[in-house]
């Protein structure tokens, strides 16, 4: 096995471990999870549903890659996207709120970012990702900047979203 294959395998195992830990906490609380994803295109939902038995804690995932999808599926106001851009704190907060409002879940995670290789700006360079997470205790959001190519940014986004979820549930 090459070094790069070994790194990818370790990242995949880490993602599965994070997801399993979050799943245990969701099960203990009898809560369901919804995801709202833009730059990851459903990778967080895929990581969750890779676990056997995920139907007991994973309620649904929204892939809202386009601005229109964010508006139509999650109720994000078009004016909000126009004013702040799709990759922004107000939009990710609206996405996570919309995921809860349009599902039967008690917990939601949302991501929106610039995975690259194009699309970055000086204000929002490639690798910029906004995260939102909502639990019954409230809503939190944060921005991260990841290095690497498109695949690396997307993998890091999935891992950070799952870690954020776990930390808020724990």
N, C-alpha and C. Protein backbone atom coordinates (compact mmCIF):
# COMPACT_ATOMS: atom_id res chain seq x y z
N UNK A 1 0.86 -1.18 0.00
CA UNK A 1 0.00 0.00 0.00
C UNK A 1 0.91 1.24 0.00
N UNK A 2 0.58 2.19 -0.86
CA UNK A 2 1.38 3.42 -0.93
C UNK A 2 1.08 4.31 0.27
N UNK A 3 1.95 5.28 0.49
CA UNK A 3 1.76 6.19 1.63
C UNK A 3 0.47 7.00 1.47
N UNK A 4 0.17 7.44 0.26
CA UNK A 4 -1.06 8.22 0.05
C UNK A 4 -2.30 7.36 0.26
N UNK A 5 -2.24 6.08 -0.15
CA UNK A 5 -3.38 5.19 0.09
C UNK A 5 -3.58 4.95 1.59
N UNK A 6 -2.47 4.84 2.31
CA UNK A 6 -2.54 4.63 3.75
C UNK A 6 -3.14 5.85 4.46
N UNK A 7 -2.75 7.04 4.02
CA UNK A 7 -3.30 8.27 4.59
C UNK A 7 -4.80 8.34 4.35
N UNK A 8 -5.24 8.03 3.13
CA UNK A 8 -6.68 8.05 2.82
C UNK A 8 -7.44 7.03 3.65
N UNK A 9 -6.86 5.84 3.83
CA UNK A 9 -7.51 4.81 4.64
C UNK A 9 -7.64 5.29 6.09
N UNK A 10 -6.58 5.88 6.64
CA UNK A 10 -6.64 6.39 8.01
C UNK A 10 -7.68 7.50 8.15
N UNK A 11 -7.78 8.38 7.15
CA UNK A 11 -8.79 9.44 7.18
C UNK A 11 -10.19 8.85 7.14
N UNK A 12 -10.38 7.83 6.32
CA UNK A 12 -11.69 7.18 6.22
C UNK A 12 -12.06 6.52 7.54
N UNK A 13 -11.11 5.85 8.18
CA UNK A 13 -11.37 5.21 9.48
C UNK A 13 -11.68 6.26 10.54
N UNK A 14 -10.95 7.38 10.52
CA UNK A 14 -11.20 8.47 11.47
C UNK A 14 -12.61 9.02 11.28
N UNK A 15 -13.02 9.20 10.04
CA UNK A 15 -14.37 9.69 9.74
C UNK A 15 -15.42 8.71 10.26
N UNK A 16 -15.21 7.42 10.03
CA UNK A 16 -16.15 6.40 10.51
C UNK A 16 -16.21 6.41 12.04
N UNK A 17 -15.06 6.57 12.69
CA UNK A 17 -15.03 6.61 14.17
C UNK A 17 -15.81 7.82 14.68
N UNK A 18 -15.58 9.00 14.09
CA UNK A 18 -16.31 10.20 14.50
C UNK A 18 -17.81 10.02 14.32
N UNK A 19 -18.16 9.46 13.19
CA UNK A 19 -19.58 9.25 12.90
C UNK A 19 -20.19 8.27 13.90
N UNK A 20 -19.49 7.22 14.21
CA UNK A 20 -19.98 6.24 15.18
C UNK A 20 -20.16 6.83 16.56
N UNK A 21 -19.22 7.67 16.97
CA UNK A 21 -19.33 8.32 18.28
C UNK A 21 -20.53 9.26 18.32
N UNK A 22 -20.72 10.04 17.26
CA UNK A 22 -21.88 10.94 17.19
C UNK A 22 -23.17 10.12 17.17
N UNK A 23 -23.16 9.02 16.44
CA UNK A 23 -24.35 8.16 16.36
C UNK A 23 -24.73 7.63 17.74
N UNK A 24 -23.75 7.21 18.52
CA UNK A 24 -24.02 6.71 19.87
C UNK A 24 -24.69 7.78 20.74
N UNK A 25 -24.18 9.01 20.64
CA UNK A 25 -24.77 10.10 21.42
C UNK A 25 -26.19 10.41 20.96
N UNK A 26 -26.41 10.41 19.65
CA UNK A 26 -27.76 10.65 19.13
C UNK A 26 -28.72 9.55 19.60
N UNK A 27 -28.27 8.32 19.54
CA UNK A 27 -29.12 7.20 20.00
C UNK A 27 -29.45 7.33 21.47
N UNK A 28 -28.45 7.67 22.28
CA UNK A 28 -28.68 7.81 23.72
C UNK A 28 -29.70 8.90 24.04
N UNK A 29 -29.69 9.96 23.23
CA UNK A 29 -30.62 11.07 23.45
C UNK A 29 -31.95 10.87 22.72
N UNK A 30 -32.01 9.84 21.89
CA UNK A 30 -33.19 9.56 21.06
C UNK A 30 -33.49 10.73 20.12
N UNK A 31 -32.41 11.27 19.53
CA UNK A 31 -32.51 12.38 18.59
C UNK A 31 -32.18 11.90 17.19
N UNK A 32 -32.74 12.60 16.23
CA UNK A 32 -32.46 12.33 14.82
C UNK A 32 -31.64 13.49 14.25
N UNK A 33 -30.85 13.18 13.23
CA UNK A 33 -29.97 14.15 12.58
C UNK A 33 -30.42 14.43 11.16
N UNK A 34 -30.33 15.70 10.77
CA UNK A 34 -30.50 16.11 9.37
C UNK A 34 -29.24 16.86 8.95
N UNK A 35 -28.88 16.72 7.69
CA UNK A 35 -27.72 17.45 7.16
C UNK A 35 -28.17 18.36 6.02
N UNK A 36 -27.47 19.48 5.89
CA UNK A 36 -27.68 20.41 4.77
C UNK A 36 -26.30 20.70 4.21
N UNK A 37 -26.04 20.24 3.00
CA UNK A 37 -24.70 20.31 2.45
C UNK A 37 -24.66 21.04 1.11
N UNK A 38 -23.63 21.83 0.96
CA UNK A 38 -23.37 22.47 -0.31
C UNK A 38 -22.06 21.92 -0.88
N UNK A 39 -20.92 22.39 -0.40
CA UNK A 39 -19.63 22.03 -0.99
C UNK A 39 -19.29 20.54 -0.89
N UNK A 40 -19.89 19.82 0.03
CA UNK A 40 -19.61 18.39 0.19
C UNK A 40 -20.57 17.52 -0.62
N UNK A 41 -21.61 18.08 -1.16
CA UNK A 41 -22.48 17.36 -2.06
C UNK A 41 -23.07 16.06 -1.52
N UNK A 42 -23.30 15.98 -0.23
CA UNK A 42 -23.90 14.78 0.35
C UNK A 42 -22.91 13.84 1.03
N UNK A 43 -21.64 14.24 1.10
CA UNK A 43 -20.62 13.36 1.69
C UNK A 43 -20.83 13.13 3.19
N UNK A 44 -21.37 14.12 3.89
CA UNK A 44 -21.64 13.94 5.33
C UNK A 44 -22.77 12.92 5.50
N UNK A 45 -23.82 13.08 4.73
CA UNK A 45 -24.93 12.13 4.78
C UNK A 45 -24.45 10.73 4.40
N UNK A 46 -23.58 10.65 3.40
CA UNK A 46 -23.05 9.34 2.98
C UNK A 46 -22.24 8.71 4.10
N UNK A 47 -21.41 9.50 4.78
CA UNK A 47 -20.62 8.97 5.89
C UNK A 47 -21.54 8.44 6.99
N UNK A 48 -22.62 9.17 7.25
CA UNK A 48 -23.57 8.74 8.28
C UNK A 48 -24.27 7.45 7.88
N UNK A 49 -24.73 7.39 6.66
CA UNK A 49 -25.51 6.22 6.24
C UNK A 49 -24.63 5.03 5.86
N UNK A 50 -23.30 5.22 5.88
CA UNK A 50 -22.40 4.07 5.73
C UNK A 50 -22.48 3.16 6.95
N UNK A 51 -22.92 3.71 8.08
CA UNK A 51 -23.03 2.91 9.30
C UNK A 51 -24.32 2.10 9.29
N UNK A 52 -24.19 0.83 9.54
CA UNK A 52 -25.38 -0.02 9.64
C UNK A 52 -26.25 0.48 10.79
N UNK A 53 -27.54 0.50 10.58
CA UNK A 53 -28.47 0.94 11.61
C UNK A 53 -28.66 2.45 11.67
N UNK A 54 -28.12 3.16 10.71
CA UNK A 54 -28.20 4.62 10.74
C UNK A 54 -29.64 5.14 10.62
N UNK A 55 -30.54 4.32 10.15
CA UNK A 55 -31.93 4.78 10.04
C UNK A 55 -32.56 5.06 11.40
N UNK A 56 -31.93 4.60 12.48
CA UNK A 56 -32.46 4.87 13.81
C UNK A 56 -32.07 6.26 14.32
N UNK A 57 -31.10 6.93 13.66
CA UNK A 57 -30.67 8.25 14.12
C UNK A 57 -30.46 9.26 12.99
N UNK A 58 -30.40 8.82 11.74
CA UNK A 58 -30.24 9.74 10.61
C UNK A 58 -31.59 9.93 9.93
N UNK A 59 -32.10 11.17 9.94
CA UNK A 59 -33.44 11.43 9.44
C UNK A 59 -33.45 11.76 7.95
N UNK A 60 -32.61 12.70 7.52
CA UNK A 60 -32.53 13.05 6.10
C UNK A 60 -31.36 13.98 5.83
N UNK A 61 -31.01 14.06 4.54
CA UNK A 61 -29.96 14.97 4.10
C UNK A 61 -30.44 15.81 2.95
N UNK A 62 -30.07 17.07 2.97
CA UNK A 62 -30.38 18.01 1.89
C UNK A 62 -29.07 18.34 1.18
N UNK A 63 -29.01 18.09 -0.12
CA UNK A 63 -27.87 18.53 -0.91
C UNK A 63 -28.33 19.78 -1.64
N UNK A 64 -27.84 20.91 -1.18
CA UNK A 64 -28.28 22.21 -1.71
C UNK A 64 -27.07 22.92 -2.32
N UNK A 65 -26.60 22.36 -3.40
CA UNK A 65 -25.39 22.86 -4.04
C UNK A 65 -25.61 24.22 -4.68
N UNK A 66 -26.76 24.43 -5.28
CA UNK A 66 -27.05 25.71 -5.93
C UNK A 66 -27.74 26.66 -4.95
N UNK A 67 -27.66 27.94 -5.26
CA UNK A 67 -28.36 28.93 -4.44
C UNK A 67 -29.86 28.69 -4.48
N UNK A 68 -30.38 28.32 -5.66
CA UNK A 68 -31.81 28.05 -5.79
C UNK A 68 -32.23 26.90 -4.89
N UNK A 69 -31.40 25.87 -4.79
CA UNK A 69 -31.72 24.73 -3.91
C UNK A 69 -31.75 25.16 -2.45
N UNK A 70 -30.82 26.03 -2.07
CA UNK A 70 -30.82 26.52 -0.69
C UNK A 70 -32.14 27.24 -0.38
N UNK A 71 -32.61 28.01 -1.35
CA UNK A 71 -33.86 28.76 -1.17
C UNK A 71 -35.06 27.82 -1.20
N UNK A 72 -35.13 26.96 -2.20
CA UNK A 72 -36.30 26.10 -2.39
C UNK A 72 -36.43 25.00 -1.34
N UNK A 73 -35.32 24.37 -0.98
CA UNK A 73 -35.39 23.22 -0.08
C UNK A 73 -35.26 23.58 1.40
N UNK A 74 -34.50 24.66 1.69
CA UNK A 74 -34.24 25.00 3.08
C UNK A 74 -34.88 26.31 3.51
N UNK A 75 -35.43 27.06 2.56
CA UNK A 75 -36.05 28.34 2.90
C UNK A 75 -35.07 29.47 3.15
N UNK A 76 -33.81 29.32 2.68
CA UNK A 76 -32.84 30.41 2.81
C UNK A 76 -33.29 31.53 1.89
N UNK A 77 -33.41 32.73 2.43
CA UNK A 77 -33.88 33.86 1.63
C UNK A 77 -32.85 34.21 0.56
N UNK A 78 -33.32 34.38 -0.67
CA UNK A 78 -32.43 34.75 -1.77
C UNK A 78 -31.70 36.06 -1.48
N UNK A 79 -32.38 36.98 -0.81
CA UNK A 79 -31.76 38.27 -0.47
C UNK A 79 -30.58 38.09 0.48
N UNK A 80 -30.66 37.09 1.36
CA UNK A 80 -29.57 36.80 2.28
C UNK A 80 -28.34 36.32 1.51
N UNK A 81 -28.57 35.43 0.55
CA UNK A 81 -27.48 34.94 -0.29
C UNK A 81 -26.89 36.08 -1.12
N UNK A 82 -27.76 36.91 -1.67
CA UNK A 82 -27.31 38.05 -2.49
C UNK A 82 -26.47 39.01 -1.66
N UNK A 83 -26.89 39.27 -0.44
CA UNK A 83 -26.20 40.24 0.41
C UNK A 83 -24.87 39.72 0.95
N UNK A 84 -24.82 38.45 1.37
CA UNK A 84 -23.65 37.93 2.07
C UNK A 84 -22.85 36.91 1.25
N UNK A 85 -23.44 36.37 0.19
CA UNK A 85 -22.82 35.28 -0.55
C UNK A 85 -23.19 33.95 0.06
N UNK A 86 -23.16 32.91 -0.77
CA UNK A 86 -23.54 31.57 -0.30
C UNK A 86 -22.59 31.06 0.77
N UNK A 87 -21.33 31.45 0.69
CA UNK A 87 -20.33 31.01 1.66
C UNK A 87 -20.20 32.11 2.72
N UNK A 88 -21.07 32.03 3.71
CA UNK A 88 -21.11 33.06 4.75
C UNK A 88 -21.79 32.51 6.00
N UNK A 89 -21.55 33.20 7.10
CA UNK A 89 -22.17 32.79 8.36
C UNK A 89 -23.69 32.92 8.33
N UNK A 90 -24.25 34.05 7.84
CA UNK A 90 -25.72 34.13 7.82
C UNK A 90 -26.37 33.02 6.99
N UNK A 91 -25.73 32.65 5.90
CA UNK A 91 -26.32 31.60 5.04
C UNK A 91 -26.22 30.24 5.70
N UNK A 92 -25.07 29.89 6.31
CA UNK A 92 -24.98 28.58 6.94
C UNK A 92 -25.93 28.49 8.13
N UNK A 93 -26.13 29.58 8.84
CA UNK A 93 -27.08 29.58 9.96
C UNK A 93 -28.51 29.38 9.43
N UNK A 94 -28.83 30.01 8.31
CA UNK A 94 -30.15 29.82 7.70
C UNK A 94 -30.30 28.39 7.18
N UNK A 95 -29.23 27.82 6.66
CA UNK A 95 -29.28 26.45 6.16
C UNK A 95 -29.57 25.46 7.28
N UNK A 96 -28.86 25.59 8.40
CA UNK A 96 -29.05 24.65 9.50
C UNK A 96 -30.44 24.82 10.12
N UNK A 97 -30.90 26.06 10.21
CA UNK A 97 -32.25 26.31 10.71
C UNK A 97 -33.29 25.72 9.76
N UNK A 98 -33.06 25.88 8.47
CA UNK A 98 -33.96 25.32 7.46
C UNK A 98 -33.98 23.81 7.47
N UNK A 99 -32.83 23.19 7.72
CA UNK A 99 -32.79 21.73 7.78
C UNK A 99 -33.66 21.21 8.92
N UNK A 100 -33.63 21.89 10.05
CA UNK A 100 -34.50 21.48 11.16
C UNK A 100 -35.96 21.73 10.83
N UNK A 101 -36.25 22.88 10.24
CA UNK A 101 -37.64 23.25 9.94
C UNK A 101 -38.27 22.34 8.89
N UNK A 102 -37.45 21.78 8.00
CA UNK A 102 -37.96 20.96 6.90
C UNK A 102 -37.68 19.46 7.12
N UNK A 103 -37.51 19.09 8.39
CA UNK A 103 -37.29 17.68 8.71
C UNK A 103 -37.98 17.36 10.03
N UNK A 104 -37.79 16.13 10.46
CA UNK A 104 -38.30 15.70 11.77
C UNK A 104 -37.15 15.50 12.75
N UNK A 105 -36.00 16.07 12.43
CA UNK A 105 -34.80 15.92 13.26
C UNK A 105 -34.77 16.93 14.39
N UNK A 106 -34.04 16.59 15.43
CA UNK A 106 -33.80 17.50 16.55
C UNK A 106 -32.43 18.18 16.44
N UNK A 107 -31.57 17.63 15.58
CA UNK A 107 -30.20 18.10 15.42
C UNK A 107 -29.92 18.23 13.93
N UNK A 108 -29.16 19.28 13.57
CA UNK A 108 -28.79 19.46 12.16
C UNK A 108 -27.38 19.99 12.05
N UNK A 109 -26.74 19.63 10.95
CA UNK A 109 -25.42 20.12 10.59
C UNK A 109 -25.51 20.67 9.18
N UNK A 110 -24.87 21.84 8.94
CA UNK A 110 -24.86 22.43 7.61
C UNK A 110 -23.45 22.89 7.26
N UNK A 111 -23.11 22.79 5.97
CA UNK A 111 -21.81 23.28 5.48
C UNK A 111 -22.00 23.99 4.15
N UNK A 112 -21.22 25.05 3.96
CA UNK A 112 -21.17 25.76 2.69
C UNK A 112 -19.76 26.32 2.55
N UNK A 113 -19.15 26.09 1.40
CA UNK A 113 -17.77 26.52 1.26
C UNK A 113 -17.29 26.56 -0.17
N UNK A 114 -16.01 26.88 -0.30
CA UNK A 114 -15.32 26.95 -1.60
C UNK A 114 -14.31 25.81 -1.62
N UNK A 115 -14.67 24.71 -2.29
CA UNK A 115 -13.79 23.54 -2.32
C UNK A 115 -12.69 23.67 -3.38
N UNK A 116 -12.91 24.49 -4.39
CA UNK A 116 -11.90 24.71 -5.42
C UNK A 116 -12.02 23.73 -6.57
N UNK A 117 -11.12 23.77 -7.50
CA UNK A 117 -9.92 24.60 -7.49
C UNK A 117 -10.17 26.07 -7.86
N UNK A 118 -11.37 26.36 -8.37
CA UNK A 118 -11.70 27.75 -8.71
C UNK A 118 -12.80 28.22 -7.77
N UNK A 119 -13.18 29.48 -7.92
CA UNK A 119 -14.30 30.01 -7.16
C UNK A 119 -13.88 30.84 -5.96
N UNK A 120 -12.62 30.80 -5.60
CA UNK A 120 -12.15 31.57 -4.46
C UNK A 120 -11.99 33.04 -4.79
N UNK A 121 -12.03 33.86 -3.77
CA UNK A 121 -11.80 35.30 -3.88
C UNK A 121 -10.82 35.68 -2.77
N UNK A 122 -10.28 36.90 -2.82
CA UNK A 122 -9.40 37.30 -1.71
C UNK A 122 -10.10 37.25 -0.35
N UNK A 123 -11.39 37.56 -0.31
CA UNK A 123 -12.15 37.51 0.94
C UNK A 123 -12.52 36.08 1.34
N UNK A 124 -12.75 35.23 0.35
CA UNK A 124 -13.15 33.84 0.59
C UNK A 124 -12.31 32.94 -0.31
N UNK A 125 -11.06 32.69 0.10
CA UNK A 125 -10.19 31.86 -0.75
C UNK A 125 -10.64 30.40 -0.77
N UNK A 126 -10.14 29.67 -1.76
CA UNK A 126 -10.40 28.24 -1.82
C UNK A 126 -10.01 27.63 -0.48
N UNK A 127 -10.86 26.77 0.03
CA UNK A 127 -10.64 26.13 1.33
C UNK A 127 -11.44 26.76 2.45
N UNK A 128 -12.15 27.87 2.16
CA UNK A 128 -13.00 28.52 3.17
C UNK A 128 -14.30 27.75 3.29
N UNK A 129 -14.64 27.34 4.49
CA UNK A 129 -15.87 26.59 4.72
C UNK A 129 -16.55 27.12 5.99
N UNK A 130 -17.84 27.41 5.88
CA UNK A 130 -18.66 27.77 7.04
C UNK A 130 -19.42 26.54 7.50
N UNK A 131 -19.47 26.35 8.82
CA UNK A 131 -20.15 25.23 9.45
C UNK A 131 -21.25 25.76 10.36
N UNK A 132 -22.38 25.08 10.39
CA UNK A 132 -23.45 25.38 11.33
C UNK A 132 -23.94 24.09 11.95
N UNK A 133 -24.27 24.17 13.22
CA UNK A 133 -24.81 23.00 13.92
C UNK A 133 -25.89 23.49 14.88
N UNK A 134 -27.02 22.82 14.86
CA UNK A 134 -28.13 23.18 15.74
C UNK A 134 -28.54 21.95 16.55
N UNK A 135 -28.69 22.17 17.84
CA UNK A 135 -29.20 21.17 18.76
C UNK A 135 -30.32 21.84 19.55
N UNK A 136 -31.05 21.10 20.37
CA UNK A 136 -32.07 21.75 21.19
C UNK A 136 -31.49 22.84 22.11
N UNK A 137 -30.19 22.79 22.38
CA UNK A 137 -29.55 23.80 23.23
C UNK A 137 -29.23 25.09 22.49
N UNK A 138 -29.30 25.07 21.16
CA UNK A 138 -29.02 26.29 20.41
C UNK A 138 -28.27 26.01 19.13
N UNK A 139 -27.83 27.10 18.50
CA UNK A 139 -27.19 27.04 17.21
C UNK A 139 -25.79 27.64 17.31
N UNK A 140 -24.83 26.99 16.68
CA UNK A 140 -23.47 27.51 16.65
C UNK A 140 -22.95 27.49 15.23
N UNK A 141 -22.03 28.38 14.92
CA UNK A 141 -21.43 28.41 13.60
C UNK A 141 -19.97 28.81 13.71
N UNK A 142 -19.19 28.41 12.72
CA UNK A 142 -17.78 28.76 12.69
C UNK A 142 -17.25 28.61 11.28
N UNK A 143 -16.14 29.27 11.03
CA UNK A 143 -15.48 29.19 9.73
C UNK A 143 -14.13 28.51 9.90
N UNK A 144 -13.75 27.73 8.90
CA UNK A 144 -12.44 27.08 8.85
C UNK A 144 -11.85 27.31 7.47
N UNK A 145 -10.53 27.24 7.42
CA UNK A 145 -9.81 27.36 6.16
C UNK A 145 -8.93 26.12 6.03
N UNK A 146 -9.20 25.31 5.00
CA UNK A 146 -8.47 24.06 4.79
C UNK A 146 -7.54 24.19 3.59
N UNK A 147 -6.40 23.54 3.70
CA UNK A 147 -5.43 23.49 2.61
C UNK A 147 -5.67 22.23 1.79
N UNK A 148 -5.11 22.24 0.59
CA UNK A 148 -5.16 21.04 -0.24
C UNK A 148 -6.04 21.22 -1.45
N UNK A 149 -6.14 20.15 -2.20
CA UNK A 149 -6.97 20.16 -3.41
C UNK A 149 -8.44 20.00 -3.03
N UNK A 150 -9.29 19.97 -4.03
CA UNK A 150 -10.74 19.87 -3.83
C UNK A 150 -11.11 18.68 -2.95
N UNK A 151 -10.53 17.53 -3.24
CA UNK A 151 -10.86 16.32 -2.48
C UNK A 151 -10.43 16.48 -1.02
N UNK A 152 -9.28 17.06 -0.79
CA UNK A 152 -8.79 17.24 0.58
C UNK A 152 -9.67 18.21 1.36
N UNK A 153 -10.10 19.28 0.71
CA UNK A 153 -10.98 20.25 1.38
C UNK A 153 -12.30 19.59 1.73
N UNK A 154 -12.85 18.82 0.83
CA UNK A 154 -14.13 18.16 1.09
C UNK A 154 -14.01 17.12 2.21
N UNK A 155 -12.93 16.34 2.21
CA UNK A 155 -12.72 15.35 3.28
C UNK A 155 -12.57 16.04 4.63
N UNK A 156 -11.78 17.11 4.65
CA UNK A 156 -11.58 17.85 5.91
C UNK A 156 -12.89 18.45 6.40
N UNK A 157 -13.72 18.88 5.46
CA UNK A 157 -15.02 19.46 5.82
C UNK A 157 -15.92 18.41 6.48
N UNK A 158 -15.96 17.23 5.90
CA UNK A 158 -16.77 16.14 6.49
C UNK A 158 -16.28 15.82 7.89
N UNK A 159 -14.97 15.67 8.04
CA UNK A 159 -14.42 15.33 9.35
C UNK A 159 -14.70 16.42 10.38
N UNK A 160 -14.53 17.66 9.98
CA UNK A 160 -14.77 18.74 10.94
C UNK A 160 -16.25 18.84 11.30
N UNK A 161 -17.13 18.65 10.34
CA UNK A 161 -18.57 18.70 10.63
C UNK A 161 -18.95 17.61 11.63
N UNK A 162 -18.42 16.41 11.45
CA UNK A 162 -18.72 15.31 12.37
C UNK A 162 -18.11 15.56 13.74
N UNK A 163 -16.91 16.12 13.78
CA UNK A 163 -16.28 16.44 15.06
C UNK A 163 -17.06 17.53 15.79
N UNK A 164 -17.52 18.52 15.05
CA UNK A 164 -18.31 19.60 15.63
C UNK A 164 -19.61 19.04 16.22
N UNK A 165 -20.26 18.16 15.46
CA UNK A 165 -21.49 17.51 15.93
C UNK A 165 -21.22 16.73 17.21
N UNK A 166 -20.18 15.91 17.21
CA UNK A 166 -19.85 15.11 18.38
C UNK A 166 -19.61 16.01 19.59
N UNK A 167 -18.81 17.04 19.42
CA UNK A 167 -18.48 17.94 20.54
C UNK A 167 -19.72 18.62 21.11
N UNK A 168 -20.65 18.98 20.25
CA UNK A 168 -21.87 19.64 20.75
C UNK A 168 -22.82 18.66 21.43
N UNK A 169 -22.79 17.41 21.01
CA UNK A 169 -23.66 16.40 21.62
C UNK A 169 -23.10 15.87 22.92
N UNK A 170 -21.78 15.87 23.05
CA UNK A 170 -21.10 15.27 24.19
C UNK A 170 -21.30 16.08 25.47
